[in-house]
Amino acid sequence: MHSIFRTTILALVLGATAAGAMAQDDSRGVVRRRDSDRNAQQAGTPAVTERMQNFFGESNSSITDADRQWMRIIYRSIDLEKDRNAALYFPEEPVEGQENLFRIILRLVAGGNIPAYEYLDGREIFTDQYKVKAREVLDRFYIPYTEARGSSERNPRFNIDENDVPTNEVLSYFVIERWEFDTRNNRLRPVVEAICPVLHRTGDFGGDALKYPMFWIRFSDLRPHLANQTIFVDDDNNLPTCTYDDFFTLNLYEGDIYKTRNLKNRSLAQMHPDPDNLRRAQDSIQARLDSFENKLWVPSREEIIAAREAREALAAGRTDSTAVEAASTPATSNTRATRRSPKRSSKKVKEPKRQSSGSSSATRSVRRTRR
């Protein structure tokens, strides 16, 4: 009887001790999580989890090099003074939790959250060898800073006062686009690969402002943080229904082409010194990008009939603008509308590439030939 009583008391004591230890561990975990959340809020860094980083990273892309059949690298200069790009500049000061793109980038680089890479004139190498240190960047461009809490020699972190961020001098960005056609989705799409803020500063004696590219940021490293920041993109709608990530992913910005990747690694200004020739070269590159996808698809029956009627109208002496436009671009205006058409005619038409009568989408041709 006494032995049973002792065993029961011992079991109760051990159970209470284990429960107390588990509660203490849980409480410590809660305190630790709260401390980390508080530090993140004080640093102003958006809460980005490892799952978000994996989701937005390049490793999560389902498209492989085997799926890419064509690719071209385009360099653009985004002028923030254009109305279409104003969403990247305003607001100049943080207002109601909203801040412009450069404040987000500089805070992440100074806090050691994302890596920055050296701006090399004519070359972009995103390896550990060309990573830049935040202290060197801040000193180079004369941006005041202070040591952040928890900063160490191995992992330096810096705080920058809101008034010391030169947002009024970052008036443009350089963007690297990767235009690729993949056979898995059968479509051409532009993908932003990297972005570089550019400072516009005047000299001591005035004159025109000089451009100083600061550093490159891989867009895949920046996307998880941009997806948390909503912005205004339309003056008619005062709700922030878009994010910075949507703004770049959907290509809502407007930028001039200043370079394409080539064997000689030369910019368009070096290849075309004359301003008029430079503008024609930029328009020609953009026109080829826009028409590349159109040339991959066999035209629909309706488009062939419309082009034939337009040619007959021109031959009969009609010179209205509709007929001229249809005759000048026969069978090349069927971009996505042809593939999305829910119904197709069952009549067969002689085409450069024969397609089945029951097909509900356009047929891809290797090369269109005309006889």
Protein backbone atom coordinates (compact mmCIF):
# COMPACT_ATOMS: atom_id res chain seq x y z
CA MET A 1 0.00 0.00 0.00
CA HIS A 2 2.78 2.41 0.92
CA SER A 3 4.76 1.45 -2.21
CA ILE A 4 1.77 2.16 -4.46
CA PHE A 5 1.23 5.52 -2.78
CA ARG A 6 4.91 6.43 -3.19
CA THR A 7 4.85 5.46 -6.89
CA THR A 8 1.79 7.62 -7.48
CA ILE A 9 3.32 10.65 -5.76
CA LEU A 10 6.57 10.22 -7.71
CA ALA A 11 4.70 10.03 -11.02
CA LEU A 12 2.77 13.20 -10.21
CA VAL A 13 5.96 15.07 -9.28
CA LEU A 14 7.78 13.96 -12.44
CA GLY A 15 4.77 14.90 -14.59
CA ALA A 16 4.54 18.34 -13.05
CA THR A 17 8.29 18.89 -13.56
CA ALA A 18 8.12 17.85 -17.23
CA ALA A 19 5.08 20.04 -17.82
CA GLY A 20 6.84 22.99 -16.22
CA ALA A 21 9.92 22.44 -18.38
CA MET A 22 7.81 22.23 -21.53
CA ALA A 23 5.93 25.39 -20.58
CA GLN A 24 9.22 27.17 -19.92
CA ASP A 25 10.59 26.10 -23.29
CA ASP A 26 7.41 27.23 -25.00
CA SER A 27 7.51 30.56 -23.21
CA ARG A 28 11.13 31.03 -24.19
CA GLY A 29 10.25 30.26 -27.80
CA VAL A 30 7.41 32.77 -27.72
CA VAL A 31 9.66 35.44 -26.22
CA ARG A 32 12.34 34.71 -28.79
CA ARG A 33 9.89 34.97 -31.67
CA ARG A 34 8.46 38.20 -30.30
CA ASP A 35 11.94 39.65 -29.93
CA SER A 36 12.81 38.80 -33.52
CA ASP A 37 9.55 40.27 -34.78
CA ARG A 38 10.16 43.43 -32.75
CA ASN A 39 13.68 43.78 -34.15
CA ALA A 40 12.37 43.33 -37.69
CA GLN A 41 9.75 46.00 -37.14
CA GLN A 42 12.31 48.39 -35.70
CA ALA A 43 14.58 47.82 -38.69
CA GLY A 44 11.69 48.52 -41.02
CA THR A 45 12.33 45.33 -43.02
CA PRO A 46 9.22 43.60 -44.39
CA ALA A 47 8.58 40.16 -42.98
CA VAL A 48 9.93 37.80 -45.65
CA THR A 49 9.96 34.11 -44.86
CA GLU A 50 12.17 31.44 -46.36
CA ARG A 51 9.14 30.05 -48.15
CA MET A 52 8.55 33.39 -49.88
CA GLN A 53 12.20 33.56 -50.93
CA ASN A 54 11.98 30.09 -52.46
CA PHE A 55 8.71 30.95 -54.19
CA PHE A 56 10.05 34.10 -55.83
CA GLY A 57 13.55 32.76 -56.45
CA GLU A 58 14.90 31.66 -59.79
CA SER A 59 15.18 28.05 -58.59
CA ASN A 60 11.39 27.83 -58.45
CA SER A 61 11.03 28.54 -62.18
CA SER A 62 9.58 25.60 -64.08
CA ILE A 63 11.20 26.73 -67.34
CA THR A 64 14.57 25.18 -68.08
CA ASP A 65 17.17 25.93 -70.72
CA ALA A 66 15.81 23.04 -72.78
CA ASP A 67 12.44 24.83 -73.00
CA ARG A 68 13.99 28.11 -74.14
CA GLN A 69 14.32 28.12 -77.91
CA TRP A 70 15.16 31.80 -78.31
CA MET A 71 16.38 34.54 -75.98
CA ARG A 72 17.61 38.13 -76.22
CA ILE A 73 19.01 40.39 -73.51
CA ILE A 74 17.75 43.98 -73.54
CA TYR A 75 19.02 46.91 -71.44
CA ARG A 76 16.58 49.74 -70.71
CA SER A 77 16.82 53.11 -69.02
CA ILE A 78 13.70 53.95 -66.99
CA ASP A 79 13.18 57.70 -66.64
CA LEU A 80 11.20 58.46 -63.46
CA GLU A 81 10.10 61.84 -64.80
CA LYS A 82 7.74 60.07 -67.21
CA ASP A 83 4.19 59.76 -65.95
CA ARG A 84 4.07 56.03 -66.51
CA ASN A 85 7.08 55.50 -64.20
CA ALA A 86 5.99 57.93 -61.48
CA ALA A 87 4.91 55.02 -59.25
CA LEU A 88 8.60 54.19 -58.67
CA TYR A 89 9.44 57.69 -57.40
CA PHE A 90 6.45 58.81 -55.34
CA PRO A 91 5.98 59.27 -52.48
CA GLU A 92 9.32 60.94 -51.84
CA GLU A 93 8.82 60.64 -48.06
CA PRO A 94 7.23 57.59 -46.35
CA VAL A 95 3.50 58.18 -46.02
CA GLU A 96 1.09 55.77 -44.28
CA GLY A 97 3.40 52.78 -44.68
CA GLN A 98 4.17 53.49 -48.33
CA GLU A 99 7.63 54.36 -49.62
CA ASN A 100 9.30 54.58 -52.98
CA LEU A 101 11.48 51.95 -54.59
CA PHE A 102 14.89 53.42 -53.78
CA ARG A 103 14.18 53.64 -50.05
CA ILE A 104 13.32 49.94 -50.03
CA ILE A 105 16.44 48.99 -51.97
CA LEU A 106 18.83 51.11 -49.89
CA ARG A 107 17.38 49.88 -46.60
CA LEU A 108 17.71 46.24 -47.66
CA VAL A 109 21.30 46.70 -48.85
CA ALA A 110 22.35 48.66 -45.75
CA GLY A 111 20.68 46.10 -43.49
CA GLY A 112 22.43 43.16 -45.15
CA ASN A 113 19.15 41.60 -46.32
CA ILE A 114 20.03 41.35 -50.03
CA PRO A 115 23.39 41.32 -51.84
CA ALA A 116 24.47 44.09 -54.20
CA TYR A 117 26.89 43.67 -57.09
CA GLU A 118 29.43 46.00 -58.61
CA TYR A 119 28.37 48.05 -61.61
CA LEU A 120 30.86 47.16 -64.32
CA ASP A 121 30.65 49.26 -67.46
CA GLY A 122 29.59 46.81 -70.13
CA ARG A 123 29.64 43.68 -67.95
CA GLU A 124 27.29 42.30 -65.34
CA ILE A 125 28.65 39.45 -63.22
CA PHE A 126 26.50 38.31 -60.31
CA THR A 127 28.99 36.22 -58.35
CA ASP A 128 30.43 36.45 -54.85
CA GLN A 129 33.63 37.89 -56.27
CA TYR A 130 31.81 41.03 -57.43
CA LYS A 131 29.63 41.63 -54.40
CA VAL A 132 29.97 45.12 -52.97
CA LYS A 133 30.08 46.02 -49.29
CA ALA A 134 27.36 48.27 -47.97
CA ARG A 135 29.87 50.49 -46.13
CA GLU A 136 31.83 51.11 -49.34
CA VAL A 137 28.67 51.99 -51.26
CA LEU A 138 27.50 54.46 -48.62
CA ASP A 139 30.94 56.07 -48.38
CA ARG A 140 31.32 56.28 -52.16
CA PHE A 141 28.08 58.20 -52.62
CA TYR A 142 28.38 60.25 -49.40
CA ILE A 143 25.31 58.82 -47.65
CA PRO A 144 25.48 59.26 -43.84
CA TYR A 145 24.88 56.16 -41.73
CA THR A 146 25.24 54.72 -38.24
CA GLU A 147 26.01 51.24 -36.97
CA ALA A 148 22.84 49.22 -36.47
CA ARG A 149 22.11 47.11 -33.43
CA GLY A 150 23.56 43.64 -33.78
CA SER A 151 26.10 44.71 -36.39
CA SER A 152 29.38 42.82 -36.46
CA GLU A 153 32.50 42.82 -38.57
CA ARG A 154 31.37 39.70 -40.35
CA ASN A 155 27.75 40.82 -40.81
CA PRO A 156 27.76 44.63 -40.86
CA ARG A 157 24.42 46.44 -40.71
CA PHE A 158 23.73 50.13 -40.94
CA ASN A 159 20.87 52.50 -40.22
CA ILE A 160 20.18 55.50 -42.45
CA ASP A 161 18.08 58.41 -41.32
CA GLU A 162 15.02 59.12 -43.44
CA ASN A 163 16.27 62.63 -44.25
CA ASP A 164 19.66 61.33 -45.46
CA VAL A 165 18.27 59.03 -48.16
CA PRO A 166 18.93 60.79 -51.54
CA THR A 167 15.59 59.91 -53.09
CA ASN A 168 15.41 63.20 -54.98
CA GLU A 169 18.64 62.32 -56.82
CA VAL A 170 17.69 58.83 -58.00
CA LEU A 171 15.82 59.87 -61.13
CA SER A 172 16.30 56.77 -63.28
CA TYR A 173 16.98 53.03 -63.19
CA PHE A 174 18.82 50.65 -65.46
CA VAL A 175 16.95 47.40 -66.05
CA ILE A 176 18.12 44.17 -67.69
CA GLU A 177 15.34 42.29 -69.46
CA ARG A 178 15.52 38.73 -70.71
CA TRP A 179 13.13 38.20 -73.62
CA GLU A 180 12.66 34.47 -74.04
CA PHE A 181 10.43 32.17 -76.04
CA ASP A 182 9.71 28.85 -74.35
CA THR A 183 8.18 25.87 -76.10
CA ARG A 184 6.36 24.69 -72.99
CA ASN A 185 3.95 27.65 -72.96
CA ASN A 186 4.45 28.66 -76.61
CA ARG A 187 4.76 32.33 -75.83
CA LEU A 188 7.27 35.13 -75.74
CA ARG A 189 7.66 36.92 -72.43
CA PRO A 190 10.05 39.52 -70.98
CA VAL A 191 11.57 38.75 -67.58
CA VAL A 192 13.34 41.38 -65.48
CA GLU A 193 16.74 40.03 -64.50
CA ALA A 194 18.41 42.90 -62.60
CA ILE A 195 17.88 46.53 -61.65
CA CYS A 196 20.33 49.37 -60.94
CA PRO A 197 19.47 52.73 -59.30
CA VAL A 198 21.14 55.72 -60.96
CA LEU A 199 22.05 58.95 -59.13
CA HIS A 200 21.75 62.26 -60.99
CA ARG A 201 24.12 64.78 -59.42
CA THR A 202 25.38 68.13 -60.59
CA GLY A 203 28.96 69.23 -60.14
CA ASP A 204 30.29 72.02 -57.94
CA PHE A 205 30.06 74.46 -60.83
CA GLY A 206 26.55 73.51 -61.92
CA GLY A 207 25.78 72.40 -65.46
CA ASP A 208 24.04 69.25 -66.57
CA ALA A 209 23.57 66.48 -64.03
CA LEU A 210 25.90 63.50 -64.31
CA LYS A 211 24.63 59.94 -63.97
CA TYR A 212 26.23 57.64 -61.41
CA PRO A 213 25.04 54.00 -61.53
CA MET A 214 25.22 52.70 -57.97
CA PHE A 215 25.03 48.88 -58.01
CA TRP A 216 23.12 45.97 -59.51
CA ILE A 217 20.45 44.03 -57.61
CA ARG A 218 19.18 40.72 -58.89
CA PHE A 219 15.45 41.00 -59.24
CA SER A 220 14.90 37.49 -57.88
CA ASP A 221 16.47 38.63 -54.57
CA LEU A 222 14.34 41.75 -54.51
CA ARG A 223 10.97 40.25 -55.44
CA PRO A 224 9.97 38.85 -52.00
CA HIS A 225 10.33 42.33 -50.50
CA LEU A 226 8.61 44.13 -53.37
CA ALA A 227 5.61 41.82 -53.17
CA ASN A 228 4.78 43.25 -49.73
CA GLN A 229 4.66 46.90 -50.85
CA THR A 230 1.51 48.17 -52.57
CA ILE A 231 1.60 51.24 -54.82
CA PHE A 232 -0.69 53.54 -56.80
CA VAL A 233 -0.54 53.17 -60.57
CA ASP A 234 -3.61 55.13 -61.64
CA ASP A 235 -4.85 58.58 -60.67
CA ASP A 236 -8.45 57.50 -61.27
CA ASN A 237 -8.21 54.75 -58.64
CA ASN A 238 -6.92 55.83 -55.23
CA LEU A 239 -6.64 52.28 -53.90
CA PRO A 240 -3.17 50.69 -53.97
CA THR A 241 -4.21 47.60 -55.93
CA CYS A 242 -0.76 46.88 -57.38
CA THR A 243 2.62 45.95 -55.90
CA TYR A 244 6.13 46.77 -57.03
CA ASP A 245 6.50 43.13 -58.04
CA ASP A 246 3.41 43.38 -60.26
CA PHE A 247 4.71 46.61 -61.74
CA PHE A 248 7.87 44.93 -63.04
CA THR A 249 6.46 41.47 -63.73
CA LEU A 250 3.63 42.87 -65.87
CA ASN A 251 6.01 45.37 -67.55
CA LEU A 252 3.95 48.41 -66.62
CA TYR A 253 7.01 50.65 -66.87
CA GLU A 254 8.31 52.54 -69.90
CA GLY A 255 11.99 52.58 -70.82
CA ASP A 256 14.28 53.32 -73.74
CA ILE A 257 16.59 50.61 -75.05
CA TYR A 258 20.21 51.69 -74.64
CA LYS A 259 21.96 48.38 -75.26
CA THR A 260 21.48 44.80 -76.42
CA ARG A 261 23.86 41.98 -75.61
CA ASN A 262 26.25 41.60 -78.56
CA LEU A 263 29.60 40.06 -79.34
CA LYS A 264 31.48 43.36 -79.26
CA ASN A 265 29.74 44.41 -76.03
CA ARG A 266 28.95 47.86 -77.40
CA SER A 267 26.00 50.11 -76.54
CA LEU A 268 23.61 51.50 -79.12
CA ALA A 269 25.10 54.98 -78.67
CA GLN A 270 28.51 53.61 -79.65
CA MET A 271 27.08 51.77 -82.63
CA HIS A 272 24.86 54.69 -83.76
CA PRO A 273 26.42 58.06 -82.81
CA ASP A 274 23.81 60.04 -84.74
CA PRO A 275 20.69 60.69 -82.57
CA ASP A 276 18.29 60.02 -85.45
CA ASN A 277 19.96 56.73 -86.31
CA LEU A 278 19.95 55.81 -82.62
CA ARG A 279 16.19 56.39 -82.37
CA ARG A 280 15.56 54.34 -85.52
CA ALA A 281 17.69 51.50 -84.15
CA GLN A 282 15.74 51.51 -80.87
CA ASP A 283 12.41 51.46 -82.70
CA SER A 284 13.62 48.67 -84.97
CA ILE A 285 14.66 46.48 -82.01
CA GLN A 286 11.35 47.05 -80.25
CA ALA A 287 9.41 46.30 -83.46
CA ARG A 288 11.26 43.00 -83.92
CA LEU A 289 10.49 42.02 -80.35
CA ASP A 290 6.81 42.84 -80.78
CA SER A 291 6.49 40.99 -84.10
CA PHE A 292 8.59 37.95 -83.18
CA GLU A 293 5.70 36.02 -81.68
CA ASN A 294 3.33 36.91 -84.52
CA LYS A 295 5.55 35.21 -87.09
CA LEU A 296 5.38 31.87 -85.30
CA TRP A 297 1.70 31.24 -85.96
CA VAL A 298 -0.28 30.32 -89.08
CA PRO A 299 -2.96 32.96 -89.82
CA SER A 300 -6.63 32.17 -89.35
CA ARG A 301 -9.16 31.89 -92.17
CA GLU A 302 -10.74 35.24 -91.29
CA GLU A 303 -7.40 37.01 -91.46
CA ILE A 304 -6.57 35.53 -94.84
CA ILE A 305 -9.96 36.60 -96.23
CA ALA A 306 -9.54 40.11 -94.80
CA ALA A 307 -6.07 40.46 -96.32
CA ARG A 308 -7.31 39.23 -99.71
CA GLU A 309 -10.24 41.65 -99.69
CA ALA A 310 -7.89 44.48 -98.78
CA ARG A 311 -5.59 43.67 -101.69
CA GLU A 312 -8.57 43.53 -104.05
CA ALA A 313 -9.78 46.89 -102.74
CA LEU A 314 -6.38 48.43 -103.38
CA ALA A 315 -6.30 46.97 -106.87
CA ALA A 316 -9.76 48.46 -107.54
CA GLY A 317 -8.51 51.92 -106.60
CA ARG A 318 -9.71 52.23 -103.01
CA THR A 319 -7.07 53.86 -100.82
CA ASP A 320 -8.82 54.14 -97.47
CA SER A 321 -6.67 53.68 -94.41
CA THR A 322 -8.33 50.42 -93.34
CA ALA A 323 -7.64 48.72 -96.66
CA VAL A 324 -4.06 49.95 -96.76
CA GLU A 325 -3.36 48.72 -93.24
CA ALA A 326 -4.91 45.30 -93.85
CA ALA A 327 -3.04 44.86 -97.13
CA SER A 328 0.29 45.95 -95.72
CA THR A 329 0.13 43.48 -92.79
CA PRO A 330 -1.54 40.35 -94.16
CA ALA A 331 -1.67 37.29 -91.96
CA THR A 332 0.64 38.74 -89.32
CA SER A 333 -1.79 40.37 -86.90
CA ASN A 334 -3.00 37.19 -85.22
CA THR A 335 -1.13 37.42 -81.95
CA ARG A 336 -3.04 35.98 -79.02
CA ALA A 337 -6.53 36.47 -80.37
CA THR A 338 -6.18 33.56 -82.79
CA ARG A 339 -5.01 31.17 -80.12
CA ARG A 340 -7.76 32.23 -77.73
CA SER A 341 -10.55 31.94 -80.28
CA PRO A 342 -13.11 29.43 -78.96
CA LYS A 343 -14.38 28.38 -82.39
CA ARG A 344 -12.74 27.72 -85.70
CA SER A 345 -14.19 27.17 -89.13
CA SER A 346 -14.30 23.59 -90.43
CA LYS A 347 -13.39 24.62 -94.00
CA LYS A 348 -9.87 23.92 -95.09
CA VAL A 349 -7.78 26.72 -96.53
CA LYS A 350 -4.51 26.33 -98.36
CA GLU A 351 -1.88 27.62 -95.99
CA PRO A 352 1.89 27.55 -95.80
CA LYS A 353 1.32 25.06 -92.96
CA ARG A 354 -1.77 22.84 -93.12
CA GLN A 355 -3.80 22.70 -89.93
CA SER A 356 -6.51 20.26 -88.88
CA SER A 357 -10.15 21.27 -89.25
CA GLY A 358 -11.06 20.60 -85.65
CA SER A 359 -8.24 22.52 -84.06
CA SER A 360 -9.27 25.18 -81.58
CA SER A 361 -5.95 27.03 -81.57
CA ALA A 362 -3.41 28.22 -84.09
CA THR A 363 -0.80 25.82 -85.39
CA ARG A 364 2.83 26.64 -84.95
CA SER A 365 4.95 26.66 -88.09
CA VAL A 366 8.70 26.37 -88.32
CA ARG A 367 9.05 28.79 -91.21
CA ARG A 368 6.41 30.49 -93.30
CA THR A 369 7.13 30.48 -97.01
CA ARG A 370 5.21 32.20 -99.74
CA ARG A 371 5.07 31.23 -103.36
